[in-house]
Amino acid sequence: MPSSPSHSSRRFLNDRLDWNLLRTYLVIGQEGSMSRAAARLHITQSAVSQALKRLEEQLDCVLIVRSGRRFDLTETGEEVLRIAADIYGDVSRLGTVLESRHDDVVGKVRILMISGIQSVYYDEFLADFHESHPNVELEVEVMGSSDIISSLLQKTATVGVGLCRQRQPRLEQRVLFRERYGYFCGQRHRLFGQENLTLEQLAAEHFVSFTSDQLGGNLSPLTLFRDQQGFTGKIVASSTSFEEIHRLICAGFGIGCLPVHLVRRDVEQGLLWRLPPEEGVADLDIQLLWNREQKMTQAETVFLDSFQHLLGKHEQVL
C-alpha cells in the first residue's frame, strides 16, 4: 500500500533533514540578527543566509520574512524555533547523561594468581577498574604458576599473574613487579635470634620449599642457589601456597625462602628471623600473562587493555 503524502514527508524529514541547518536557524532566532548569528557560529553571513535558504527548502515553508535589515519569524518559523530549542536542549542534556550513566561493559574476567601477591598499585588499579566498569564480574582463583600457564595455554582464563621463567610461544608476558627472596626461620627454630650467622651454618638445615622450587621449575633459582652453596639439608615440607609455606616456617619445620617485602612486618614483630645472605637469594619477576591467540570478550579486552595501561604508567615512573 503506497504511503500517503504526509507520511512520505515525515519520513523524508526524519531521514534527510540536516540537523546542522536546524542549529543555524536556532542561533539566528536566538540572536535576532544574521550578522550576530554568523559571528557566534564563526562563519560568514552569507553562509548563514545559505543555511537558512536550504532549511526552508527542506521544510518547504517560509520561516523568516525580511524587511530591510530586520526580519520577523513567520508563525511556522516560531514553531520550528521552539522545536529546534527543544531538540538542542535534549542534545545538551545527553552529555550529562553519558557522564553520569553506569558503564555498559558487562561480562566476566577470570584471573589466575599465585598466592601472596601484594602490590599497592595493582590494588589501586582494581579499585579504579571497578569504579569505571561496575558491571564487569571478576573471578579470581589462586594456584601455582605452572598451573596458571597450563590454564592460559588451554584458554580457560583471561589473564594470569605469576612466575614464568621459560618463555611460552603462545603467551604474552609483561613484568608486573620484582620480588626478592631471602631465607627465614621461625621462633621455634634453633637459629632464631642468632646474630652473625654464615651460609656455612645453614648448610645442613632442613628446608620448607615451594613446590616449584626445583630444577626446571619457576622457582628454580632457589634450587640452584642451594646446589651452588652445597647445602645438604632435606626438603621436609612443601606447598604451592605462600600462606602455607609461611605457616610451616613459623612452625619450625625448617628454614625457607620467602619474598622479603611480604614478611617485613613479621620480622619486625619477631615472628620470623632473617637469615643470610643479607643481599637475598634471588630476584624473580612476577608477570602478567595472557594467551595472544585467545578470542576475548569486550569485558576481557577492556580489563587487559586497562591492566597494560597501568603497567605502561608504572614503567614510566620506574
C-alpha atoms as a PDB file:
ATOM      1  CA  MET A   1       0.000   0.000   0.000  1.00  0.00           C
ATOM      2  CA  PRO A   2       1.614   3.350  -1.036  1.00  0.00           C
ATOM      3  CA  SER A   3       2.393   5.875   1.658  1.00  0.00           C
ATOM      4  CA  SER A   4       0.289   8.994   1.997  1.00  0.00           C
ATOM      5  CA  PRO A   5       1.951  12.338   1.107  1.00  0.00           C
ATOM      6  CA  SER A   6       2.037  13.387   4.744  1.00  0.00           C
ATOM      7  CA  HIS A   7       3.674  10.126   5.787  1.00  0.00           C
ATOM      8  CA  SER A   8       6.246  10.401   2.988  1.00  0.00           C
ATOM      9  CA  SER A   9       7.014  13.968   4.021  1.00  0.00           C
ATOM     10  CA  ARG A  10       7.544  12.996   7.661  1.00  0.00           C
ATOM     11  CA  ARG A  11       9.759  10.088   6.619  1.00  0.00           C
ATOM     12  CA  PHE A  12      11.830  12.399   4.421  1.00  0.00           C
ATOM     13  CA  LEU A  13      12.358  14.804   7.335  1.00  0.00           C
ATOM     14  CA  ASN A  14      13.333  12.011   9.696  1.00  0.00           C
ATOM     15  CA  ASP A  15      15.836  10.526   7.274  1.00  0.00           C
ATOM     16  CA  ARG A  16      17.190  13.507   5.360  1.00  0.00           C
ATOM     17  CA  LEU A  17      16.853  16.662   7.454  1.00  0.00           C
ATOM     18  CA  ASP A  18      20.230  18.306   8.034  1.00  0.00           C
ATOM     19  CA  TRP A  19      20.329  18.996  11.777  1.00  0.00           C
ATOM     20  CA  ASN A  20      23.197  21.468  11.327  1.00  0.00           C
ATOM     21  CA  LEU A  21      20.809  23.688   9.376  1.00  0.00           C
ATOM     22  CA  LEU A  22      18.348  23.499  12.248  1.00  0.00           C
ATOM     23  CA  ARG A  23      21.072  24.551  14.674  1.00  0.00           C
ATOM     24  CA  THR A  24      21.980  27.524  12.492  1.00  0.00           C
ATOM     25  CA  TYR A  25      18.320  28.537  12.427  1.00  0.00           C
ATOM     26  CA  LEU A  26      18.160  28.255  16.221  1.00  0.00           C
ATOM     27  CA  VAL A  27      21.111  30.653  16.573  1.00  0.00           C
ATOM     28  CA  ILE A  28      19.509  33.071  14.084  1.00  0.00           C
ATOM     29  CA  GLY A  29      16.326  33.103  16.152  1.00  0.00           C
ATOM     30  CA  GLN A  30      18.230  33.472  19.446  1.00  0.00           C
ATOM     31  CA  GLU A  31      20.417  36.323  18.175  1.00  0.00           C
ATOM     32  CA  GLY A  32      17.712  38.089  16.174  1.00  0.00           C
ATOM     33  CA  SER A  33      20.360  39.033  13.621  1.00  0.00           C
ATOM     34  CA  MET A  34      22.082  37.336  10.684  1.00  0.00           C
ATOM     35  CA  SER A  35      25.379  39.093  11.406  1.00  0.00           C
ATOM     36  CA  ARG A  36      25.380  38.207  15.105  1.00  0.00           C
ATOM     37  CA  ALA A  37      24.464  34.604  14.283  1.00  0.00           C
ATOM     38  CA  ALA A  38      27.385  34.458  11.847  1.00  0.00           C
ATOM     39  CA  ALA A  39      29.773  35.823  14.490  1.00  0.00           C
ATOM     40  CA  ARG A  40      28.562  33.319  17.086  1.00  0.00           C
ATOM     41  CA  LEU A  41      28.905  30.391  14.675  1.00  0.00           C
ATOM     42  CA  HIS A  42      32.265  31.632  13.357  1.00  0.00           C
ATOM     43  CA  ILE A  43      31.055  31.557   9.737  1.00  0.00           C
ATOM     44  CA  THR A  44      30.248  34.222   7.168  1.00  0.00           C
ATOM     45  CA  GLN A  45      26.898  35.985   6.995  1.00  0.00           C
ATOM     46  CA  SER A  46      26.480  34.596   3.500  1.00  0.00           C
ATOM     47  CA  ALA A  47      26.867  31.054   4.869  1.00  0.00           C
ATOM     48  CA  VAL A  48      24.157  31.780   7.438  1.00  0.00           C
ATOM     49  CA  SER A  49      21.801  33.024   4.719  1.00  0.00           C
ATOM     50  CA  GLN A  50      22.508  29.968   2.564  1.00  0.00           C
ATOM     51  CA  ALA A  51      21.847  27.631   5.520  1.00  0.00           C
ATOM     52  CA  LEU A  52      18.512  29.347   6.164  1.00  0.00           C
ATOM     53  CA  LYS A  53      17.580  29.052   2.495  1.00  0.00           C
ATOM     54  CA  ARG A  54      18.397  25.311   2.392  1.00  0.00           C
ATOM     55  CA  LEU A  55      16.400  24.682   5.592  1.00  0.00           C
ATOM     56  CA  GLU A  56      13.350  26.460   4.147  1.00  0.00           C
ATOM     57  CA  GLU A  57      13.720  24.348   1.013  1.00  0.00           C
ATOM     58  CA  GLN A  58      13.917  21.125   3.017  1.00  0.00           C
ATOM     59  CA  LEU A  59      10.910  22.069   5.136  1.00  0.00           C
ATOM     60  CA  ASP A  60       9.091  23.547   2.096  1.00  0.00           C
ATOM     61  CA  CYS A  61       7.963  26.596   4.039  1.00  0.00           C
ATOM     62  CA  VAL A  62       8.947  30.197   4.787  1.00  0.00           C
ATOM     63  CA  LEU A  63      10.499  30.644   8.221  1.00  0.00           C
ATOM     64  CA  ILE A  64      11.576  34.298   8.104  1.00  0.00           C
ATOM     65  CA  VAL A  65      10.082  37.378   6.451  1.00  0.00           C
ATOM     66  CA  ARG A  66      12.730  40.022   5.747  1.00  0.00           C
ATOM     67  CA  SER A  67      12.111  43.747   5.927  1.00  0.00           C
ATOM     68  CA  GLY A  68      15.304  45.639   5.172  1.00  0.00           C
ATOM     69  CA  ARG A  69      17.896  44.706   7.777  1.00  0.00           C
ATOM     70  CA  ARG A  70      15.231  43.384  10.079  1.00  0.00           C
ATOM     71  CA  PHE A  71      13.337  40.131   9.870  1.00  0.00           C
ATOM     72  CA  ASP A  72      10.359  38.555  11.557  1.00  0.00           C
ATOM     73  CA  LEU A  73       9.607  34.898  12.117  1.00  0.00           C
ATOM     74  CA  THR A  74       6.512  33.521  10.469  1.00  0.00           C
ATOM     75  CA  GLU A  75       4.054  31.572  12.565  1.00  0.00           C
ATOM     76  CA  THR A  76       5.610  28.364  11.264  1.00  0.00           C
ATOM     77  CA  GLY A  77       9.053  29.846  11.891  1.00  0.00           C
ATOM     78  CA  GLU A  78       8.142  30.456  15.556  1.00  0.00           C
ATOM     79  CA  GLU A  79       7.020  26.839  15.952  1.00  0.00           C
ATOM     80  CA  VAL A  80      10.130  25.458  14.229  1.00  0.00           C
ATOM     81  CA  LEU A  81      12.279  27.624  16.512  1.00  0.00           C
ATOM     82  CA  ARG A  82      10.591  26.156  19.596  1.00  0.00           C
ATOM     83  CA  ILE A  83      11.096  22.634  18.266  1.00  0.00           C
ATOM     84  CA  ALA A  84      14.775  23.374  17.481  1.00  0.00           C
ATOM     85  CA  ALA A  85      15.264  24.705  21.018  1.00  0.00           C
ATOM     86  CA  ASP A  86      13.721  21.519  22.457  1.00  0.00           C
ATOM     87  CA  ILE A  87      15.919  19.320  20.278  1.00  0.00           C
ATOM     88  CA  TYR A  88      19.143  21.031  21.231  1.00  0.00           C
ATOM     89  CA  GLY A  89      18.113  21.149  24.854  1.00  0.00           C
ATOM     90  CA  ASP A  90      17.847  17.356  24.731  1.00  0.00           C
ATOM     91  CA  VAL A  91      21.217  17.124  22.958  1.00  0.00           C
ATOM     92  CA  SER A  92      22.895  19.267  25.612  1.00  0.00           C
ATOM     93  CA  ARG A  93      21.480  17.003  28.330  1.00  0.00           C
ATOM     94  CA  LEU A  94      22.863  13.964  26.515  1.00  0.00           C
ATOM     95  CA  GLY A  95      26.417  14.774  27.651  1.00  0.00           C
ATOM     96  CA  THR A  96      25.316  14.859  31.284  1.00  0.00           C
ATOM     97  CA  VAL A  97      23.526  11.535  30.886  1.00  0.00           C
ATOM     98  CA  LEU A  98      26.594   9.925  29.321  1.00  0.00           C
ATOM     99  CA  GLU A  99      28.883  11.247  32.042  1.00  0.00           C
ATOM    100  CA  SER A 100      26.656  10.053  34.879  1.00  0.00           C
ATOM    101  CA  ARG A 101      25.486   6.733  33.427  1.00  0.00           C
ATOM    102  CA  HIS A 102      26.890   3.415  34.567  1.00  0.00           C
ATOM    103  CA  ASP A 103      29.358   1.772  32.245  1.00  0.00           C
ATOM    104  CA  ASP A 104      27.794  -0.540  29.651  1.00  0.00           C
ATOM    105  CA  VAL A 105      30.639  -3.071  29.609  1.00  0.00           C
ATOM    106  CA  VAL A 106      29.389  -6.339  31.105  1.00  0.00           C
ATOM    107  CA  GLY A 107      30.839  -9.809  31.397  1.00  0.00           C
ATOM    108  CA  LYS A 108      33.222 -11.936  33.432  1.00  0.00           C
ATOM    109  CA  VAL A 109      37.006 -11.772  33.699  1.00  0.00           C
ATOM    110  CA  ARG A 110      38.775 -14.864  35.083  1.00  0.00           C
ATOM    111  CA  ILE A 111      42.102 -14.091  36.760  1.00  0.00           C
ATOM    112  CA  LEU A 112      44.558 -16.748  37.908  1.00  0.00           C
ATOM    113  CA  MET A 113      47.092 -15.662  40.527  1.00  0.00           C
ATOM    114  CA  ILE A 114      49.830 -17.122  42.615  1.00  0.00           C
ATOM    115  CA  SER A 115      49.333 -16.685  46.353  1.00  0.00           C
ATOM    116  CA  GLY A 116      50.843 -13.861  48.361  1.00  0.00           C
ATOM    117  CA  ILE A 117      50.629 -11.110  45.753  1.00  0.00           C
ATOM    118  CA  GLN A 118      50.967  -7.697  47.386  1.00  0.00           C
ATOM    119  CA  SER A 119      51.109  -4.591  45.204  1.00  0.00           C
ATOM    120  CA  VAL A 120      49.671  -1.209  46.116  1.00  0.00           C
ATOM    121  CA  TYR A 121      49.386  -0.002  42.549  1.00  0.00           C
ATOM    122  CA  TYR A 122      47.686  -3.259  41.466  1.00  0.00           C
ATOM    123  CA  ASP A 123      45.169  -2.832  44.302  1.00  0.00           C
ATOM    124  CA  GLU A 124      44.551   0.746  43.169  1.00  0.00           C
ATOM    125  CA  PHE A 125      44.094  -0.475  39.595  1.00  0.00           C
ATOM    126  CA  LEU A 126      41.390  -2.926  40.708  1.00  0.00           C
ATOM    127  CA  ALA A 127      39.580  -0.162  42.597  1.00  0.00           C
ATOM    128  CA  ASP A 128      39.750   2.189  39.600  1.00  0.00           C
ATOM    129  CA  PHE A 129      38.669  -0.547  37.185  1.00  0.00           C
ATOM    130  CA  HIS A 130      35.632  -1.450  39.294  1.00  0.00           C
ATOM    131  CA  GLU A 131      34.665   2.210  39.570  1.00  0.00           C
ATOM    132  CA  SER A 132      34.875   2.613  35.783  1.00  0.00           C
ATOM    133  CA  HIS A 133      33.291  -0.747  34.905  1.00  0.00           C
ATOM    134  CA  PRO A 134      30.989  -1.760  37.777  1.00  0.00           C
ATOM    135  CA  ASN A 135      29.171  -4.376  35.683  1.00  0.00           C
ATOM    136  CA  VAL A 136      32.259  -6.473  34.996  1.00  0.00           C
ATOM    137  CA  GLU A 137      32.480  -9.533  37.264  1.00  0.00           C
ATOM    138  CA  LEU A 138      35.899 -10.759  38.383  1.00  0.00           C
ATOM    139  CA  GLU A 139      36.557 -14.408  39.207  1.00  0.00           C
ATOM    140  CA  VAL A 140      39.942 -14.771  40.920  1.00  0.00           C
ATOM    141  CA  GLU A 141      41.497 -18.183  41.545  1.00  0.00           C
ATOM    142  CA  VAL A 142      44.769 -18.855  43.353  1.00  0.00           C
ATOM    143  CA  MET A 143      47.052 -21.588  42.009  1.00  0.00           C
ATOM    144  CA  GLY A 144      50.662 -22.372  41.263  1.00  0.00           C
ATOM    145  CA  SER A 145      52.480 -20.707  38.375  1.00  0.00           C
ATOM    146  CA  SER A 146      52.767 -23.909  36.324  1.00  0.00           C
ATOM    147  CA  ASP A 147      49.000 -24.470  36.623  1.00  0.00           C
ATOM    148  CA  ILE A 148      48.381 -20.844  35.618  1.00  0.00           C
ATOM    149  CA  ILE A 149      50.489 -21.291  32.496  1.00  0.00           C
ATOM    150  CA  SER A 150      48.728 -24.555  31.639  1.00  0.00           C
ATOM    151  CA  SER A 151      45.285 -22.971  32.033  1.00  0.00           C
ATOM    152  CA  LEU A 152      46.225 -19.987  29.855  1.00  0.00           C
ATOM    153  CA  LEU A 153      47.556 -22.290  27.140  1.00  0.00           C
ATOM    154  CA  GLN A 154      44.201 -24.112  27.262  1.00  0.00           C
ATOM    155  CA  LYS A 155      42.396 -20.727  27.030  1.00  0.00           C
ATOM    156  CA  THR A 156      40.369 -21.303  30.205  1.00  0.00           C
ATOM    157  CA  ALA A 157      41.209 -17.943  31.811  1.00  0.00           C
ATOM    158  CA  THR A 158      41.590 -14.312  30.780  1.00  0.00           C
ATOM    159  CA  VAL A 159      44.923 -13.441  32.388  1.00  0.00           C
ATOM    160  CA  GLY A 160      47.378 -14.859  34.870  1.00  0.00           C
ATOM    161  CA  VAL A 161      49.700 -13.258  37.396  1.00  0.00           C
ATOM    162  CA  GLY A 162      52.645 -15.416  38.323  1.00  0.00           C
ATOM    163  CA  LEU A 163      56.152 -16.632  37.568  1.00  0.00           C
ATOM    164  CA  CYS A 164      57.135 -17.679  34.053  1.00  0.00           C
ATOM    165  CA  ARG A 165      60.866 -18.208  33.659  1.00  0.00           C
ATOM    166  CA  GLN A 166      60.693 -20.127  30.369  1.00  0.00           C
ATOM    167  CA  ARG A 167      59.046 -18.084  27.621  1.00  0.00           C
ATOM    168  CA  GLN A 168      55.952 -19.740  26.181  1.00  0.00           C
ATOM    169  CA  PRO A 169      55.491 -19.164  22.408  1.00  0.00           C
ATOM    170  CA  ARG A 170      51.729 -18.571  22.664  1.00  0.00           C
ATOM    171  CA  LEU A 171      51.791 -16.420  25.801  1.00  0.00           C
ATOM    172  CA  GLU A 172      52.403 -12.709  26.078  1.00  0.00           C
ATOM    173  CA  GLN A 173      54.091 -11.623  29.276  1.00  0.00           C
ATOM    174  CA  ARG A 174      54.888  -8.291  30.933  1.00  0.00           C
ATOM    175  CA  VAL A 175      56.644  -7.720  34.231  1.00  0.00           C
ATOM    176  CA  LEU A 176      54.268  -6.576  36.954  1.00  0.00           C
ATOM    177  CA  PHE A 177      56.902  -6.201  39.677  1.00  0.00           C
ATOM    178  CA  ARG A 178      60.015  -7.916  41.017  1.00  0.00           C
ATOM    179  CA  GLU A 179      60.282  -9.921  44.245  1.00  0.00           C
ATOM    180  CA  ARG A 180      63.480 -10.542  46.180  1.00  0.00           C
ATOM    181  CA  TYR A 181      63.617 -13.858  48.009  1.00  0.00           C
ATOM    182  CA  GLY A 182      65.569 -14.398  51.230  1.00  0.00           C
ATOM    183  CA  TYR A 183      65.991 -17.115  53.861  1.00  0.00           C
ATOM    184  CA  PHE A 184      63.956 -17.027  57.091  1.00  0.00           C
ATOM    185  CA  CYS A 185      63.249 -19.211  60.096  1.00  0.00           C
ATOM    186  CA  GLY A 186      60.513 -19.163  62.734  1.00  0.00           C
ATOM    187  CA  GLN A 187      60.611 -18.634  66.519  1.00  0.00           C
ATOM    188  CA  ARG A 188      60.809 -22.391  67.222  1.00  0.00           C
ATOM    189  CA  HIS A 189      63.824 -22.931  65.006  1.00  0.00           C
ATOM    190  CA  ARG A 190      67.202 -23.268  66.716  1.00  0.00           C
ATOM    191  CA  LEU A 191      68.717 -20.471  64.563  1.00  0.00           C
ATOM    192  CA  PHE A 192      66.063 -17.920  65.534  1.00  0.00           C
ATOM    193  CA  GLY A 193      67.627 -14.808  67.047  1.00  0.00           C
ATOM    194  CA  GLN A 194      71.232 -15.792  66.308  1.00  0.00           C
ATOM    195  CA  GLU A 195      73.405 -12.963  65.038  1.00  0.00           C
ATOM    196  CA  ASN A 196      76.281 -13.081  62.556  1.00  0.00           C
ATOM    197  CA  LEU A 197      75.303 -16.397  61.007  1.00  0.00           C
ATOM    198  CA  THR A 198      77.117 -17.576  57.890  1.00  0.00           C
ATOM    199  CA  LEU A 199      75.908 -19.535  54.876  1.00  0.00           C
ATOM    200  CA  GLU A 200      78.040 -22.457  56.034  1.00  0.00           C
ATOM    201  CA  GLN A 201      75.943 -22.668  59.200  1.00  0.00           C
ATOM    202  CA  LEU A 202      72.815 -23.144  57.072  1.00  0.00           C
ATOM    203  CA  ALA A 203      74.290 -25.947  55.001  1.00  0.00           C
ATOM    204  CA  ALA A 204      72.758 -28.856  56.913  1.00  0.00           C
ATOM    205  CA  GLU A 205      69.412 -27.251  57.775  1.00  0.00           C
ATOM    206  CA  HIS A 206      66.203 -28.808  56.508  1.00  0.00           C
ATOM    207  CA  PHE A 207      64.034 -26.743  54.152  1.00  0.00           C
ATOM    208  CA  VAL A 208      60.433 -25.777  53.695  1.00  0.00           C
ATOM    209  CA  SER A 209      60.039 -25.277  49.962  1.00  0.00           C
ATOM    210  CA  PHE A 210      57.618 -24.108  47.315  1.00  0.00           C
ATOM    211  CA  THR A 211      56.585 -26.959  45.036  1.00  0.00           C
ATOM    212  CA  SER A 212      58.043 -25.123  42.027  1.00  0.00           C
ATOM    213  CA  ASP A 213      61.401 -24.768  43.848  1.00  0.00           C
ATOM    214  CA  GLN A 214      63.076 -27.467  41.765  1.00  0.00           C
ATOM    215  CA  LEU A 215      65.274 -27.627  38.701  1.00  0.00           C
ATOM    216  CA  GLY A 216      63.218 -26.569  35.703  1.00  0.00           C
ATOM    217  CA  GLY A 217      60.522 -25.045  37.905  1.00  0.00           C
ATOM    218  CA  ASN A 218      59.579 -21.380  38.079  1.00  0.00           C
ATOM    219  CA  LEU A 219      61.476 -21.027  41.366  1.00  0.00           C
ATOM    220  CA  SER A 220      64.497 -22.970  40.132  1.00  0.00           C
ATOM    221  CA  PRO A 221      66.916 -20.101  41.022  1.00  0.00           C
ATOM    222  CA  LEU A 222      66.311 -21.017  44.676  1.00  0.00           C
ATOM    223  CA  THR A 223      67.272 -24.623  43.934  1.00  0.00           C
ATOM    224  CA  LEU A 224      70.366 -23.531  42.022  1.00  0.00           C
ATOM    225  CA  PHE A 225      71.440 -21.354  44.938  1.00  0.00           C
ATOM    226  CA  ARG A 226      71.222 -24.291  47.377  1.00  0.00           C
ATOM    227  CA  ASP A 227      73.159 -26.514  44.990  1.00  0.00           C
ATOM    228  CA  GLN A 228      75.860 -23.888  44.418  1.00  0.00           C
ATOM    229  CA  GLN A 229      76.285 -23.438  48.179  1.00  0.00           C
ATOM    230  CA  GLY A 230      76.500 -27.182  48.744  1.00  0.00           C
ATOM    231  CA  PHE A 231      73.519 -27.327  51.107  1.00  0.00           C
ATOM    232  CA  THR A 232      72.732 -30.878  52.178  1.00  0.00           C
ATOM    233  CA  GLY A 233      69.520 -30.394  54.155  1.00  0.00           C
ATOM    234  CA  LYS A 234      66.358 -32.204  53.085  1.00  0.00           C
ATOM    235  CA  ILE A 235      63.075 -30.654  51.963  1.00  0.00           C
ATOM    236  CA  VAL A 236      60.751 -31.606  54.834  1.00  0.00           C
ATOM    237  CA  ALA A 237      57.607 -29.758  53.744  1.00  0.00           C
ATOM    238  CA  SER A 238      56.358 -28.128  50.540  1.00  0.00           C
ATOM    239  CA  SER A 239      53.332 -26.309  49.117  1.00  0.00           C
ATOM    240  CA  THR A 240      52.248 -24.121  46.197  1.00  0.00           C
ATOM    241  CA  SER A 241      50.818 -21.593  48.666  1.00  0.00           C
ATOM    242  CA  PHE A 242      52.764 -18.705  50.160  1.00  0.00           C
ATOM    243  CA  GLU A 243      50.474 -18.775  53.211  1.00  0.00           C
ATOM    244  CA  GLU A 244      51.217 -22.454  53.867  1.00  0.00           C
ATOM    245  CA  ILE A 245      54.973 -22.063  53.362  1.00  0.00           C
ATOM    246  CA  HIS A 246      54.870 -19.111  55.752  1.00  0.00           C
ATOM    247  CA  ARG A 247      52.904 -21.188  58.282  1.00  0.00           C
ATOM    248  CA  LEU A 248      55.345 -24.118  58.103  1.00  0.00           C
ATOM    249  CA  ILE A 249      58.404 -21.909  58.515  1.00  0.00           C
ATOM    250  CA  CYS A 250      56.838 -20.162  61.507  1.00  0.00           C
ATOM    251  CA  ALA A 251      56.059 -23.598  62.982  1.00  0.00           C
ATOM    252  CA  GLY A 252      59.742 -24.504  62.909  1.00  0.00           C
ATOM    253  CA  PHE A 253      59.701 -27.231  60.262  1.00  0.00           C
ATOM    254  CA  GLY A 254      62.803 -25.759  58.658  1.00  0.00           C
ATOM    255  CA  ILE A 255      64.257 -22.670  57.058  1.00  0.00           C
ATOM    256  CA  GLY A 256      62.802 -21.427  53.811  1.00  0.00           C
ATOM    257  CA  CYS A 257      62.789 -18.725  51.146  1.00  0.00           C
ATOM    258  CA  LEU A 258      60.085 -16.071  51.204  1.00  0.00           C
ATOM    259  CA  PRO A 259      59.599 -12.782  49.353  1.00  0.00           C
ATOM    260  CA  VAL A 260      61.333 -10.219  51.569  1.00  0.00           C
ATOM    261  CA  HIS A 261      58.733  -7.477  51.170  1.00  0.00           C
ATOM    262  CA  LEU A 262      55.884  -9.804  52.158  1.00  0.00           C
ATOM    263  CA  VAL A 263      57.325 -10.734  55.554  1.00  0.00           C
ATOM    264  CA  ARG A 264      58.991  -7.467  56.580  1.00  0.00           C
ATOM    265  CA  ARG A 265      56.346  -6.836  59.242  1.00  0.00           C
ATOM    266  CA  ASP A 266      56.693 -10.407  60.589  1.00  0.00           C
ATOM    267  CA  VAL A 267      60.414  -9.808  61.046  1.00  0.00           C
ATOM    268  CA  GLU A 268      59.744  -6.510  62.823  1.00  0.00           C
ATOM    269  CA  GLN A 269      57.250  -8.238  65.127  1.00  0.00           C
ATOM    270  CA  GLY A 270      59.645 -11.091  65.946  1.00  0.00           C
ATOM    271  CA  LEU A 271      57.685 -13.855  64.225  1.00  0.00           C
ATOM    272  CA  LEU A 272      60.405 -14.571  61.659  1.00  0.00           C
ATOM    273  CA  TRP A 273      64.179 -14.202  61.688  1.00  0.00           C
ATOM    274  CA  ARG A 274      66.124 -13.113  58.629  1.00  0.00           C
ATOM    275  CA  LEU A 275      68.997 -15.433  57.701  1.00  0.00           C
ATOM    276  CA  PRO A 276      71.994 -14.901  55.415  1.00  0.00           C
ATOM    277  CA  PRO A 277      72.794 -13.939  52.763  1.00  0.00           C
ATOM    278  CA  GLU A 278      71.924 -10.332  53.578  1.00  0.00           C
ATOM    279  CA  GLU A 279      71.583  -9.413  49.895  1.00  0.00           C
ATOM    280  CA  GLY A 280      68.997 -12.131  49.348  1.00  0.00           C
ATOM    281  CA  VAL A 281      68.967 -15.347  47.340  1.00  0.00           C
ATOM    282  CA  ALA A 282      67.332 -14.351  44.032  1.00  0.00           C
ATOM    283  CA  ASP A 283      65.218 -11.678  42.356  1.00  0.00           C
ATOM    284  CA  LEU A 284      62.215 -13.067  40.476  1.00  0.00           C
ATOM    285  CA  ASP A 285      59.769 -11.266  38.192  1.00  0.00           C
ATOM    286  CA  ILE A 286      56.027 -11.528  38.783  1.00  0.00           C
ATOM    287  CA  GLN A 287      54.460 -11.339  35.341  1.00  0.00           C
ATOM    288  CA  LEU A 288      51.143 -10.546  33.727  1.00  0.00           C
ATOM    289  CA  LEU A 289      50.419 -13.412  31.320  1.00  0.00           C
ATOM    290  CA  TRP A 290      47.784 -13.945  28.630  1.00  0.00           C
ATOM    291  CA  ASN A 291      47.262 -16.076  25.521  1.00  0.00           C
ATOM    292  CA  ARG A 292      47.690 -13.989  22.372  1.00  0.00           C
ATOM    293  CA  GLU A 293      45.599 -16.488  20.386  1.00  0.00           C
ATOM    294  CA  GLN A 294      42.590 -16.303  22.699  1.00  0.00           C
ATOM    295  CA  LYS A 295      39.489 -14.551  21.431  1.00  0.00           C
ATOM    296  CA  MET A 296      38.383 -12.278  24.270  1.00  0.00           C
ATOM    297  CA  THR A 297      35.047 -10.736  25.169  1.00  0.00           C
ATOM    298  CA  GLN A 298      34.620  -6.983  25.434  1.00  0.00           C
ATOM    299  CA  ALA A 299      34.955  -7.156  29.223  1.00  0.00           C
ATOM    300  CA  GLU A 300      38.166  -9.191  28.966  1.00  0.00           C
ATOM    301  CA  THR A 301      39.615  -6.854  26.349  1.00  0.00           C
ATOM    302  CA  VAL A 302      38.840  -3.765  28.437  1.00  0.00           C
ATOM    303  CA  PHE A 303      40.395  -5.383  31.526  1.00  0.00           C
ATOM    304  CA  LEU A 304      43.574  -6.425  29.714  1.00  0.00           C
ATOM    305  CA  ASP A 305      43.943  -3.048  27.984  1.00  0.00           C
ATOM    306  CA  SER A 306      43.469  -1.251  31.304  1.00  0.00           C
ATOM    307  CA  PHE A 307      45.993  -3.548  33.003  1.00  0.00           C
ATOM    308  CA  GLN A 308      48.575  -2.901  30.289  1.00  0.00           C
ATOM    309  CA  HIS A 309      47.957   0.828  30.580  1.00  0.00           C
ATOM    310  CA  LEU A 310      48.727   0.524  34.299  1.00  0.00           C
ATOM    311  CA  LEU A 311      51.979  -1.279  33.515  1.00  0.00           C
ATOM    312  CA  GLY A 312      52.918   1.397  30.990  1.00  0.00           C
ATOM    313  CA  LYS A 313      52.449   4.152  33.579  1.00  0.00           C
ATOM    314  CA  HIS A 314      54.371   2.158  36.187  1.00  0.00           C
ATOM    315  CA  GLU A 315      57.268   1.622  33.771  1.00  0.00           C
ATOM    316  CA  GLN A 316      57.397   5.375  33.123  1.00  0.00           C
ATOM    317  CA  VAL A 317      57.638   6.027  36.864  1.00  0.00           C
ATOM    318  CA  LEU A 318      60.440   3.498  37.187  1.00  0.00           C
END
